[in-house]
Amino acid sequence: MSSGGTILPFRRPSAPPQAAQTGDAKGLAQLGDDALLAACAVGDAGALAGLYDRHQGGVFRFVSRVSCGPAGDVEDLVQCTFIEVWKSAARFHKKGSVRSWIFGISANLTRHYVRSELRRRTAMVGFADRPLAEVATPDQSLSHAQTLRLLQSAVESLSYELRVAFVMCDIE
C-alpha cells in the first residue's frame, strides 16, 4: 500500500532488484535511520523497505506484548505502523531517534486497536445479553404482509405532493 496507488515492498527475501542492479544493497544497509526516513519522505520505497527490515522485529515484539492480540492482528498493526511511517516521514522533527518515533507510531496504533477491541467486546457482551426476538407465527406474518400491501396501495393513491408530505412526516 502507498499513497500513490502502488505496492510498497515491506519485506525482501534478498536485495531489492534496483539495489542489486546498481550495487546499492550495501549502501542501503549502511545508511542511518535518519537518512532512510528522509529518503522515505521523498518517496523512496527502497528506504521504507530498509526501515522495515531494520525495525519490524522490534515493532512486532512490542505490539504483541502491548496488544495481547492474535498474531494476525499483530502483523496487521506492524504493517499499519510502516504505512504510517511512509505517510508521515516528511513530518519527522528529529526530536528523538527514528526508532523511538516508529515505536511511538506503533504505540498509538496499538492503543487505538486495544480501545476498539474493548468496545467491540463490550458490544458483543451486550448483544449476548439481549433476549432473542419473538418469531412471528404464520398468521401474524400474513396479517403483517396484508397490512403493508394496504398501506402501500393507499400511499400510491395519494397525489405526489401529499405522498411526499406523508412519507417525510410519518415514515422518514
C-alpha atoms as a PDB file:
ATOM      1  CA  MET A   1       0.000   0.000   0.000  1.00  0.00           C
ATOM      2  CA  SER A   2       1.083   3.542  -0.579  1.00  0.00           C
ATOM      3  CA  SER A   3      -0.364   6.941  -1.077  1.00  0.00           C
ATOM      4  CA  GLY A   4       0.279   6.739  -4.831  1.00  0.00           C
ATOM      5  CA  GLY A   5      -1.617   3.515  -5.527  1.00  0.00           C
ATOM      6  CA  THR A   6       1.495   1.376  -5.932  1.00  0.00           C
ATOM      7  CA  ILE A   7       2.524  -1.513  -3.726  1.00  0.00           C
ATOM      8  CA  LEU A   8       5.379  -0.792  -1.334  1.00  0.00           C
ATOM      9  CA  PRO A   9       7.820  -3.630  -0.674  1.00  0.00           C
ATOM     10  CA  PHE A  10       7.989  -4.189   3.074  1.00  0.00           C
ATOM     11  CA  ARG A  11       9.944  -7.398   3.200  1.00  0.00           C
ATOM     12  CA  ARG A  12      12.620  -8.515   0.819  1.00  0.00           C
ATOM     13  CA  PRO A  13      13.964 -12.066   0.833  1.00  0.00           C
ATOM     14  CA  SER A  14      17.105 -10.657  -0.778  1.00  0.00           C
ATOM     15  CA  ALA A  15      18.289  -7.285  -2.023  1.00  0.00           C
ATOM     16  CA  PRO A  16      15.707  -5.298  -3.992  1.00  0.00           C
ATOM     17  CA  PRO A  17      16.002  -5.508  -7.791  1.00  0.00           C
ATOM     18  CA  GLN A  18      17.076  -1.871  -8.150  1.00  0.00           C
ATOM     19  CA  ALA A  19      19.728  -2.280  -5.442  1.00  0.00           C
ATOM     20  CA  ALA A  20      21.036  -5.481  -6.985  1.00  0.00           C
ATOM     21  CA  GLN A  21      21.413  -3.774 -10.357  1.00  0.00           C
ATOM     22  CA  THR A  22      23.104  -0.653  -9.028  1.00  0.00           C
ATOM     23  CA  GLY A  23      25.111  -2.172  -6.188  1.00  0.00           C
ATOM     24  CA  ASP A  24      23.192  -0.122  -3.602  1.00  0.00           C
ATOM     25  CA  ALA A  25      22.287  -3.033  -1.295  1.00  0.00           C
ATOM     26  CA  LYS A  26      25.294  -2.416   0.942  1.00  0.00           C
ATOM     27  CA  GLY A  27      24.790   1.332   0.724  1.00  0.00           C
ATOM     28  CA  LEU A  28      21.183   0.976   1.883  1.00  0.00           C
ATOM     29  CA  ALA A  29      22.251  -1.183   4.813  1.00  0.00           C
ATOM     30  CA  GLN A  30      24.922   1.346   5.776  1.00  0.00           C
ATOM     31  CA  LEU A  31      22.568   4.326   5.755  1.00  0.00           C
ATOM     32  CA  GLY A  32      21.362   5.544   9.125  1.00  0.00           C
ATOM     33  CA  ASP A  33      17.729   5.651  10.119  1.00  0.00           C
ATOM     34  CA  ASP A  34      17.607   9.436   9.632  1.00  0.00           C
ATOM     35  CA  ALA A  35      18.791   9.096   6.032  1.00  0.00           C
ATOM     36  CA  LEU A  36      16.369   6.261   5.319  1.00  0.00           C
ATOM     37  CA  LEU A  37      13.473   8.246   6.746  1.00  0.00           C
ATOM     38  CA  ALA A  38      14.479  11.309   4.719  1.00  0.00           C
ATOM     39  CA  ALA A  39      14.501   9.089   1.616  1.00  0.00           C
ATOM     40  CA  CYS A  40      11.022   7.824   2.541  1.00  0.00           C
ATOM     41  CA  ALA A  41       9.858  11.438   2.758  1.00  0.00           C
ATOM     42  CA  VAL A  42      10.716  11.922  -0.914  1.00  0.00           C
ATOM     43  CA  GLY A  43       9.081   8.651  -1.988  1.00  0.00           C
ATOM     44  CA  ASP A  44      11.905   6.101  -1.931  1.00  0.00           C
ATOM     45  CA  ALA A  45      10.151   2.776  -1.332  1.00  0.00           C
ATOM     46  CA  GLY A  46      13.504   1.014  -1.008  1.00  0.00           C
ATOM     47  CA  ALA A  47      14.275   3.182   2.011  1.00  0.00           C
ATOM     48  CA  LEU A  48      10.992   2.130   3.578  1.00  0.00           C
ATOM     49  CA  ALA A  49      11.949  -1.490   2.968  1.00  0.00           C
ATOM     50  CA  GLY A  50      15.259  -0.792   4.704  1.00  0.00           C
ATOM     51  CA  LEU A  51      13.495   0.692   7.727  1.00  0.00           C
ATOM     52  CA  TYR A  52      11.086  -2.227   7.759  1.00  0.00           C
ATOM     53  CA  ASP A  53      13.898  -4.779   7.607  1.00  0.00           C
ATOM     54  CA  ARG A  54      15.715  -2.997  10.404  1.00  0.00           C
ATOM     55  CA  HIS A  55      12.811  -2.380  12.804  1.00  0.00           C
ATOM     56  CA  GLN A  56       9.953  -4.773  12.082  1.00  0.00           C
ATOM     57  CA  GLY A  57      11.172  -7.408  14.553  1.00  0.00           C
ATOM     58  CA  GLY A  58      11.243  -4.959  17.445  1.00  0.00           C
ATOM     59  CA  VAL A  59       7.913  -3.432  16.443  1.00  0.00           C
ATOM     60  CA  PHE A  60       6.381  -6.912  16.203  1.00  0.00           C
ATOM     61  CA  ARG A  61       7.601  -7.847  19.686  1.00  0.00           C
ATOM     62  CA  PHE A  62       6.392  -4.520  21.108  1.00  0.00           C
ATOM     63  CA  VAL A  63       2.928  -4.767  19.544  1.00  0.00           C
ATOM     64  CA  SER A  64       2.475  -8.409  20.519  1.00  0.00           C
ATOM     65  CA  ARG A  65       3.315  -7.625  24.149  1.00  0.00           C
ATOM     66  CA  VAL A  66       1.190  -4.495  24.370  1.00  0.00           C
ATOM     67  CA  SER A  67      -1.876  -5.589  22.423  1.00  0.00           C
ATOM     68  CA  CYS A  68      -2.143  -9.208  23.575  1.00  0.00           C
ATOM     69  CA  GLY A  69      -3.994  -9.739  20.313  1.00  0.00           C
ATOM     70  CA  PRO A  70      -3.886 -12.650  17.884  1.00  0.00           C
ATOM     71  CA  ALA A  71      -0.819 -12.968  15.640  1.00  0.00           C
ATOM     72  CA  GLY A  72      -2.763 -11.857  12.562  1.00  0.00           C
ATOM     73  CA  ASP A  73      -3.799  -8.621  14.237  1.00  0.00           C
ATOM     74  CA  VAL A  74      -0.236  -8.035  15.439  1.00  0.00           C
ATOM     75  CA  GLU A  75       1.074  -8.462  11.889  1.00  0.00           C
ATOM     76  CA  ASP A  76      -1.573  -6.038  10.625  1.00  0.00           C
ATOM     77  CA  LEU A  77      -0.568  -3.476  13.248  1.00  0.00           C
ATOM     78  CA  VAL A  78       3.099  -3.821  12.243  1.00  0.00           C
ATOM     79  CA  GLN A  79       2.165  -3.253   8.597  1.00  0.00           C
ATOM     80  CA  CYS A  80      -0.018  -0.277   9.554  1.00  0.00           C
ATOM     81  CA  THR A  81       2.881   1.149  11.545  1.00  0.00           C
ATOM     82  CA  PHE A  82       5.139   1.166   8.496  1.00  0.00           C
ATOM     83  CA  ILE A  83       2.397   2.519   6.248  1.00  0.00           C
ATOM     84  CA  GLU A  84       2.060   5.400   8.710  1.00  0.00           C
ATOM     85  CA  VAL A  85       5.862   5.816   8.728  1.00  0.00           C
ATOM     86  CA  TRP A  86       5.665   6.156   4.936  1.00  0.00           C
ATOM     87  CA  LYS A  87       2.851   8.700   5.113  1.00  0.00           C
ATOM     88  CA  SER A  88       4.386  10.720   7.961  1.00  0.00           C
ATOM     89  CA  ALA A  89       8.086  10.625   7.074  1.00  0.00           C
ATOM     90  CA  ALA A  90       8.131  14.269   5.983  1.00  0.00           C
ATOM     91  CA  ARG A  91       6.741  15.329   9.383  1.00  0.00           C
ATOM     92  CA  PHE A  92       9.551  13.795  11.434  1.00  0.00           C
ATOM     93  CA  HIS A  93      11.057  16.619  13.522  1.00  0.00           C
ATOM     94  CA  LYS A  94      14.278  14.913  14.673  1.00  0.00           C
ATOM     95  CA  LYS A  95      13.446  15.480  18.349  1.00  0.00           C
ATOM     96  CA  GLY A  96      14.356  11.863  19.075  1.00  0.00           C
ATOM     97  CA  SER A  97      15.600   8.808  17.285  1.00  0.00           C
ATOM     98  CA  VAL A  98      13.799   7.407  14.273  1.00  0.00           C
ATOM     99  CA  ARG A  99      13.414   4.131  16.175  1.00  0.00           C
ATOM    100  CA  SER A 100      11.597   5.809  19.064  1.00  0.00           C
ATOM    101  CA  TRP A 101       9.428   7.724  16.577  1.00  0.00           C
ATOM    102  CA  ILE A 102       8.475   4.459  14.842  1.00  0.00           C
ATOM    103  CA  PHE A 103       7.687   2.892  18.217  1.00  0.00           C
ATOM    104  CA  GLY A 104       5.577   5.948  19.086  1.00  0.00           C
ATOM    105  CA  ILE A 105       3.551   5.450  15.925  1.00  0.00           C
ATOM    106  CA  SER A 106       3.203   1.789  16.793  1.00  0.00           C
ATOM    107  CA  ALA A 107       2.121   2.623  20.355  1.00  0.00           C
ATOM    108  CA  ASN A 108      -0.585   4.987  19.091  1.00  0.00           C
ATOM    109  CA  LEU A 109      -1.921   2.472  16.575  1.00  0.00           C
ATOM    110  CA  THR A 110      -1.881  -0.273  19.201  1.00  0.00           C
ATOM    111  CA  ARG A 111      -3.679   1.963  21.711  1.00  0.00           C
ATOM    112  CA  HIS A 112      -6.447   2.584  19.164  1.00  0.00           C
ATOM    113  CA  TYR A 113      -6.623  -1.135  18.407  1.00  0.00           C
ATOM    114  CA  VAL A 114      -6.906  -2.095  22.093  1.00  0.00           C
ATOM    115  CA  ARG A 115      -9.571   0.553  22.681  1.00  0.00           C
ATOM    116  CA  SER A 116     -11.542  -0.636  19.628  1.00  0.00           C
ATOM    117  CA  GLU A 117     -11.274  -4.261  20.728  1.00  0.00           C
ATOM    118  CA  LEU A 118     -12.546  -3.352  24.189  1.00  0.00           C
ATOM    119  CA  ARG A 119     -15.519  -1.525  22.663  1.00  0.00           C
ATOM    120  CA  ARG A 120     -16.211  -4.429  20.307  1.00  0.00           C
ATOM    121  CA  ARG A 121     -16.091  -6.984  23.116  1.00  0.00           C
ATOM    122  CA  THR A 122     -18.343  -4.836  25.305  1.00  0.00           C
ATOM    123  CA  ALA A 123     -20.841  -4.534  22.445  1.00  0.00           C
ATOM    124  CA  MET A 124     -20.749  -8.286  21.850  1.00  0.00           C
ATOM    125  CA  VAL A 125     -21.452  -8.956  25.531  1.00  0.00           C
ATOM    126  CA  GLY A 126     -24.373  -6.528  25.303  1.00  0.00           C
ATOM    127  CA  PHE A 127     -25.742  -8.374  22.269  1.00  0.00           C
ATOM    128  CA  ALA A 128     -25.349 -11.714  24.021  1.00  0.00           C
ATOM    129  CA  ASP A 129     -27.438 -10.449  26.953  1.00  0.00           C
ATOM    130  CA  ARG A 130     -30.318  -9.330  24.739  1.00  0.00           C
ATOM    131  CA  PRO A 131     -33.293 -11.652  24.558  1.00  0.00           C
ATOM    132  CA  LEU A 132     -33.982 -13.180  21.190  1.00  0.00           C
ATOM    133  CA  ALA A 133     -36.738 -11.537  19.202  1.00  0.00           C
ATOM    134  CA  GLU A 134     -40.041 -13.381  19.126  1.00  0.00           C
ATOM    135  CA  VAL A 135     -40.632 -15.327  15.973  1.00  0.00           C
ATOM    136  CA  ALA A 136     -43.891 -14.387  14.329  1.00  0.00           C
ATOM    137  CA  THR A 137     -46.451 -17.100  13.719  1.00  0.00           C
ATOM    138  CA  PRO A 138     -47.555 -17.714  10.117  1.00  0.00           C
ATOM    139  CA  ASP A 139     -50.883 -15.958  10.858  1.00  0.00           C
ATOM    140  CA  GLN A 140     -49.062 -12.896  12.226  1.00  0.00           C
ATOM    141  CA  SER A 141     -46.725 -12.788   9.201  1.00  0.00           C
ATOM    142  CA  LEU A 142     -49.666 -12.986   6.786  1.00  0.00           C
ATOM    143  CA  SER A 143     -51.568 -10.271   8.636  1.00  0.00           C
ATOM    144  CA  HIS A 144     -48.484  -8.019   8.632  1.00  0.00           C
ATOM    145  CA  ALA A 145     -47.927  -8.548   4.896  1.00  0.00           C
ATOM    146  CA  GLN A 146     -51.590  -7.749   4.134  1.00  0.00           C
ATOM    147  CA  THR A 147     -51.416  -4.552   6.197  1.00  0.00           C
ATOM    148  CA  LEU A 148     -48.253  -3.458   4.362  1.00  0.00           C
ATOM    149  CA  ARG A 149     -49.927  -4.065   0.977  1.00  0.00           C
ATOM    150  CA  LEU A 150     -52.955  -1.991   2.016  1.00  0.00           C
ATOM    151  CA  LEU A 151     -50.717   0.821   3.249  1.00  0.00           C
ATOM    152  CA  GLN A 152     -48.652   0.755   0.043  1.00  0.00           C
ATOM    153  CA  SER A 153     -51.831   0.913  -2.055  1.00  0.00           C
ATOM    154  CA  ALA A 154     -53.164   3.838  -0.009  1.00  0.00           C
ATOM    155  CA  VAL A 155     -49.887   5.777  -0.295  1.00  0.00           C
ATOM    156  CA  GLU A 156     -49.766   5.168  -4.061  1.00  0.00           C
ATOM    157  CA  SER A 157     -53.288   6.577  -4.432  1.00  0.00           C
ATOM    158  CA  LEU A 158     -52.220   9.935  -2.942  1.00  0.00           C
ATOM    159  CA  SER A 159     -51.165  12.826  -5.176  1.00  0.00           C
ATOM    160  CA  TYR A 160     -47.412  13.302  -5.491  1.00  0.00           C
ATOM    161  CA  GLU A 161     -47.350  16.298  -3.137  1.00  0.00           C
ATOM    162  CA  LEU A 162     -49.402  14.519  -0.454  1.00  0.00           C
ATOM    163  CA  ARG A 163     -47.332  11.355  -0.868  1.00  0.00           C
ATOM    164  CA  VAL A 164     -44.090  13.319  -0.352  1.00  0.00           C
ATOM    165  CA  ALA A 165     -45.538  15.025   2.736  1.00  0.00           C
ATOM    166  CA  PHE A 166     -46.820  11.738   4.177  1.00  0.00           C
ATOM    167  CA  VAL A 167     -43.568   9.883   3.605  1.00  0.00           C
ATOM    168  CA  MET A 168     -41.463  12.716   5.022  1.00  0.00           C
ATOM    169  CA  CYS A 169     -43.657  13.250   8.102  1.00  0.00           C
ATOM    170  CA  ASP A 170     -44.783   9.748   9.009  1.00  0.00           C
ATOM    171  CA  ILE A 171     -42.293   7.310   7.513  1.00  0.00           C
ATOM    172  CA  GLU A 172     -38.958   9.072   7.282  1.00  0.00           C
END
